[in-house]
Amino acid sequence: MKILIVKSENGKVTSEKIAEGEISKVLRDVAKEALEEWNELASDFIIMRDNQEVRLPLPLKPDVYEAIKTFLIGKDKKEAIAKIPVYIISYENEWKESDFQDKKIYVVSFYINDEIKKGVLNDAAQMTSEQKQELEEEKEDLEEEEEE
């Protein structure tokens, strides 16, 4: 299978590649690489699994179907719906009061097509962005004001 590997640092995607192989082996190899970059005195080392819901127009091309067939959860009249596993390896991060900020991460997921890849790249950049933190704080402040 094709596996997408993305590295994001401080709000920017710094590398991306597509590897061939089994997700478990590729994920472990990327985790080993991240361990080499990790400073255990300054940061936590975390591997998280999440799912990304994707919608693909029907009919599916044979290669796309092969890539997502194990992740299909349903369909409607125009789209197939799948939940794709996404693994986030956070190796440089910090706590600011009760908030957690990733600074450097790897994202490992199945490569389906270029459109879904763009979404993964965007999400990876946002996860390490300082702006994400500021936007969340502004949202919390607005919610608190609305409650009062």
Protein backbone atom coordinates (compact mmCIF):
# COMPACT_ATOMS: atom_id res chain seq x y z
CA MET A 1 0.00 0.00 0.00
CA LYS A 2 0.99 3.61 -0.47
CA ILE A 3 1.63 5.41 2.82
CA LEU A 4 1.80 9.22 3.14
CA ILE A 5 4.43 10.58 5.56
CA VAL A 6 4.31 14.28 6.42
CA LYS A 7 6.60 16.25 8.71
CA SER A 8 5.33 19.55 10.09
CA GLU A 9 7.34 22.06 12.10
CA ASN A 10 6.10 25.33 13.58
CA GLY A 11 3.13 25.69 11.25
CA LYS A 12 4.85 24.57 8.04
CA VAL A 13 5.08 21.26 6.23
CA THR A 14 8.82 20.65 5.94
CA SER A 15 8.73 17.32 4.15
CA GLU A 16 6.33 14.89 2.55
CA LYS A 17 6.85 11.55 0.90
CA ILE A 18 4.95 8.50 -0.18
CA ALA A 19 6.33 5.12 0.84
CA GLU A 20 5.28 1.63 -0.21
CA GLY A 21 4.65 -0.99 2.43
CA GLU A 22 2.59 -2.06 5.40
CA ILE A 23 1.32 0.74 7.64
CA SER A 24 2.65 -0.92 10.82
CA LYS A 25 6.23 -1.17 9.50
CA VAL A 26 6.23 2.34 8.00
CA LEU A 27 4.74 3.80 11.20
CA ARG A 28 7.40 2.11 13.36
CA ASP A 29 10.19 3.32 11.05
CA VAL A 30 8.89 6.91 11.22
CA ALA A 31 8.55 6.63 15.01
CA LYS A 32 12.20 5.52 15.24
CA GLU A 33 13.22 8.52 13.13
CA ALA A 34 11.20 10.83 15.41
CA LEU A 35 12.79 9.24 18.50
CA GLU A 36 16.20 10.24 17.15
CA GLU A 37 15.03 13.88 16.96
CA TRP A 38 13.26 13.85 20.35
CA ASN A 39 14.69 15.72 23.35
CA GLU A 40 13.39 13.74 26.32
CA LEU A 41 14.31 16.55 28.74
CA ALA A 42 12.15 19.14 26.99
CA SER A 43 9.15 17.33 25.52
CA ASP A 44 6.75 14.40 25.64
CA PHE A 45 6.83 11.72 22.93
CA ILE A 46 3.31 10.75 21.86
CA ILE A 47 1.83 8.57 19.12
CA MET A 48 -1.90 9.12 18.62
CA ARG A 49 -4.30 7.37 16.28
CA ASP A 50 -7.23 9.26 14.83
CA ASN A 51 -9.61 8.80 11.90
CA GLN A 52 -10.23 11.20 9.04
CA GLU A 53 -13.61 10.95 7.37
CA VAL A 54 -13.35 11.34 3.61
CA ARG A 55 -16.02 11.52 0.95
CA LEU A 56 -15.23 10.44 -2.58
CA PRO A 57 -17.47 10.90 -5.62
CA LEU A 58 -19.05 7.77 -7.06
CA PRO A 59 -18.30 5.76 -9.07
CA LEU A 60 -14.90 5.00 -7.54
CA LYS A 61 -11.97 4.33 -9.83
CA PRO A 62 -10.59 0.80 -9.33
CA ASP A 63 -7.29 2.02 -7.81
CA VAL A 64 -9.12 4.32 -5.37
CA TYR A 65 -11.51 1.51 -4.41
CA GLU A 66 -8.56 -0.81 -3.71
CA ALA A 67 -6.95 1.86 -1.51
CA ILE A 68 -10.06 2.50 0.62
CA LYS A 69 -12.11 -0.71 0.52
CA THR A 70 -11.19 -1.71 4.09
CA PHE A 71 -12.14 1.76 5.40
CA LEU A 72 -15.54 2.16 3.72
CA ILE A 73 -18.32 2.90 6.21
CA GLY A 74 -21.15 3.80 3.84
CA LYS A 75 -22.34 5.74 0.86
CA ASP A 76 -25.04 8.10 -0.24
CA LYS A 77 -26.33 8.79 -3.75
CA LYS A 78 -23.22 10.64 -4.92
CA GLU A 79 -20.36 9.74 -2.56
CA ALA A 80 -18.58 6.87 -0.84
CA ILE A 81 -17.74 7.56 2.81
CA ALA A 82 -14.62 6.17 4.45
CA LYS A 83 -12.75 6.61 7.72
CA ILE A 84 -9.02 6.61 7.09
CA PRO A 85 -6.65 6.01 10.04
CA VAL A 86 -4.24 8.88 10.68
CA TYR A 87 -1.30 8.56 13.08
CA ILE A 88 0.27 11.63 14.66
CA ILE A 89 3.75 11.34 16.17
CA SER A 90 4.41 14.37 18.36
CA TYR A 91 8.05 14.65 19.44
CA GLU A 92 8.46 18.37 20.20
CA ASN A 93 5.64 19.92 22.18
CA GLU A 94 4.92 21.93 25.28
CA TRP A 95 2.27 22.66 27.85
CA LYS A 96 1.15 26.26 28.26
CA GLU A 97 -0.95 26.27 31.43
CA SER A 98 -3.69 23.77 30.54
CA ASP A 99 -3.12 23.92 26.76
CA PHE A 100 -0.95 21.57 24.74
CA GLN A 101 0.97 22.86 21.70
CA ASP A 102 2.65 20.59 19.15
CA LYS A 103 5.73 22.18 17.61
CA LYS A 104 7.05 19.28 15.52
CA ILE A 105 5.12 16.23 14.36
CA TYR A 106 5.02 13.46 11.80
CA VAL A 107 1.68 12.46 10.31
CA VAL A 108 1.40 8.99 8.81
CA SER A 109 -1.66 7.91 6.84
CA PHE A 110 -2.73 5.92 3.82
CA TYR A 111 -2.28 7.72 0.50
CA ILE A 112 -5.62 7.71 -1.31
CA ASN A 113 -5.33 10.55 -3.83
CA ASP A 114 -3.88 14.06 -4.17
CA GLU A 115 -7.03 15.81 -2.96
CA ILE A 116 -7.04 13.91 0.35
CA LYS A 117 -3.29 14.40 0.59
CA LYS A 118 -3.79 18.20 0.43
CA GLY A 119 -6.16 17.96 3.39
CA VAL A 120 -3.62 15.96 5.40
CA LEU A 121 -0.88 18.49 4.57
CA ASN A 122 -3.11 21.38 5.66
CA ASP A 123 -4.10 19.63 8.90
CA ALA A 124 -0.46 18.81 9.69
CA ALA A 125 0.58 22.44 9.25
CA GLN A 126 -2.30 23.66 11.41
CA MET A 127 -1.48 21.21 14.22
CA THR A 128 1.93 22.83 14.73
CA SER A 129 0.81 26.41 14.12
CA GLU A 130 0.93 28.96 16.94
CA GLN A 131 -2.11 30.61 15.30
CA LYS A 132 -4.15 27.48 16.00
CA GLN A 133 -3.51 28.02 19.70
CA GLU A 134 -4.43 31.70 19.49
CA LEU A 135 -7.64 30.96 17.55
CA GLU A 136 -8.69 28.38 20.12
CA GLU A 137 -8.07 30.86 22.93
CA GLU A 138 -10.13 33.53 21.15
CA LYS A 139 -12.95 31.03 20.62
CA GLU A 140 -12.90 30.10 24.32
CA ASP A 141 -12.98 33.79 25.30
CA LEU A 142 -15.99 34.40 23.03
CA GLU A 143 -17.81 31.39 24.47
CA GLU A 144 -17.18 32.63 28.01
CA GLU A 145 -18.49 36.10 27.11
CA GLU A 146 -21.64 34.58 25.58
CA GLU A 147 -22.30 32.61 28.77
CA GLU A 148 -22.18 35.78 30.89
